[in-house]
Amino acid sequence: MKLINRHRVWQAAVDACLIAAAWYLAFALRFDFAIPERYSDLIAETILLAVVIKVAVLTMFGLYNHWWRYVSIGDMWSAARAVGVG
């Protein structure tokens, strides 16, 4: 099995974009979309770290190794564990 292929790369890229959006929106919702300057700096400093950690955890749990067309209950529990650990 190839470690990197075009499907896994775009899946990880989409996940990275969604994680970054969720990170920003968490702060935006907390401050009613008027984020104070110090928290804007905090977002800028930590967003890359959050994305790298979450994508690494999803990769370690093997979520990019499956055809998600055929999902079982075991796959869903694996996804839940990966999200919880991340």
Protein backbone atom coordinates (compact mmCIF):
# COMPACT_ATOMS: atom_id res chain seq x y z
CA MET A 1 0.00 0.00 0.00
CA LYS A 2 1.34 3.42 -0.95
CA LEU A 3 1.80 5.81 1.93
CA ILE A 4 0.99 8.88 -0.16
CA ASN A 5 -1.39 9.05 -3.10
CA ARG A 6 -3.41 11.83 -4.65
CA HIS A 7 -6.62 10.89 -2.83
CA ARG A 8 -5.03 10.96 0.60
CA VAL A 9 -3.31 14.25 -0.08
CA TRP A 10 -6.48 16.07 -1.03
CA GLN A 11 -8.41 14.50 1.83
CA ALA A 12 -5.77 15.71 4.28
CA ALA A 13 -5.75 19.14 2.62
CA VAL A 14 -9.53 19.45 2.93
CA ASP A 15 -9.35 18.33 6.56
CA ALA A 16 -6.61 20.89 7.22
CA CYS A 17 -8.76 23.67 5.76
CA LEU A 18 -11.77 22.59 7.81
CA ILE A 19 -9.69 22.39 10.99
CA ALA A 20 -8.29 25.88 10.40
CA ALA A 21 -11.78 27.24 9.75
CA ALA A 22 -13.10 25.59 12.91
CA TRP A 23 -10.20 27.03 14.93
CA TYR A 24 -10.90 30.55 13.67
CA LEU A 25 -14.68 30.23 14.07
CA ALA A 26 -14.29 29.01 17.66
CA PHE A 27 -12.60 32.29 18.53
CA ALA A 28 -14.95 34.35 16.37
CA LEU A 29 -18.05 32.88 17.98
CA ARG A 30 -16.58 33.31 21.44
CA PHE A 31 -16.12 37.04 20.87
CA ASP A 32 -19.19 37.63 18.66
CA PHE A 33 -16.96 38.13 15.60
CA ALA A 34 -15.14 41.07 17.26
CA ILE A 35 -11.92 39.29 18.17
CA PRO A 36 -9.61 41.37 20.41
CA GLU A 37 -6.11 42.05 19.11
CA ARG A 38 -4.32 39.78 21.57
CA TYR A 39 -6.56 36.86 20.61
CA SER A 40 -6.02 37.55 16.92
CA ASP A 41 -2.31 37.18 17.62
CA LEU A 42 -2.99 33.96 19.52
CA ILE A 43 -4.96 32.55 16.58
CA ALA A 44 -2.12 33.39 14.20
CA GLU A 45 0.44 31.75 16.49
CA THR A 46 -1.48 28.54 17.17
CA ILE A 47 -3.52 27.73 14.07
CA LEU A 48 -0.69 25.91 12.29
CA LEU A 49 0.06 23.85 15.41
CA ALA A 50 -3.60 22.87 15.74
CA VAL A 51 -3.82 21.84 12.09
CA VAL A 52 -0.60 19.79 12.21
CA ILE A 53 -1.61 17.97 15.40
CA LYS A 54 -5.14 17.16 14.20
CA VAL A 55 -4.04 15.93 10.76
CA ALA A 56 -1.26 13.85 12.36
CA VAL A 57 -3.73 12.24 14.78
CA LEU A 58 -6.19 11.49 11.99
CA THR A 59 -3.35 9.91 10.01
CA MET A 60 -2.14 7.84 12.99
CA PHE A 61 -5.63 6.46 13.51
CA GLY A 62 -5.70 5.39 9.87
CA LEU A 63 -8.61 7.53 8.73
CA TYR A 64 -7.00 8.12 5.34
CA ASN A 65 -6.55 4.38 4.69
CA HIS A 66 -10.21 3.54 4.07
CA TRP A 67 -12.66 3.88 1.25
CA TRP A 68 -15.30 5.92 3.02
CA ARG A 69 -17.90 4.65 0.61
CA TYR A 70 -18.01 1.45 2.68
CA VAL A 71 -18.07 2.63 6.28
CA SER A 72 -18.73 0.24 9.15
CA ILE A 73 -19.56 0.89 12.78
CA GLY A 74 -15.95 0.05 13.67
CA ASP A 75 -14.74 2.77 11.31
CA MET A 76 -17.05 5.26 12.95
CA TRP A 77 -15.73 4.39 16.42
CA SER A 78 -12.19 4.79 15.10
CA ALA A 79 -13.10 8.23 13.76
CA ALA A 80 -14.68 9.19 17.10
CA ARG A 81 -11.57 8.10 18.98
CA ALA A 82 -9.32 10.05 16.61
CA VAL A 83 -11.37 13.22 17.01
CA GLY A 84 -11.40 12.77 20.79
CA VAL A 85 -7.64 12.32 20.99
CA GLY A 86 -7.01 15.22 18.60
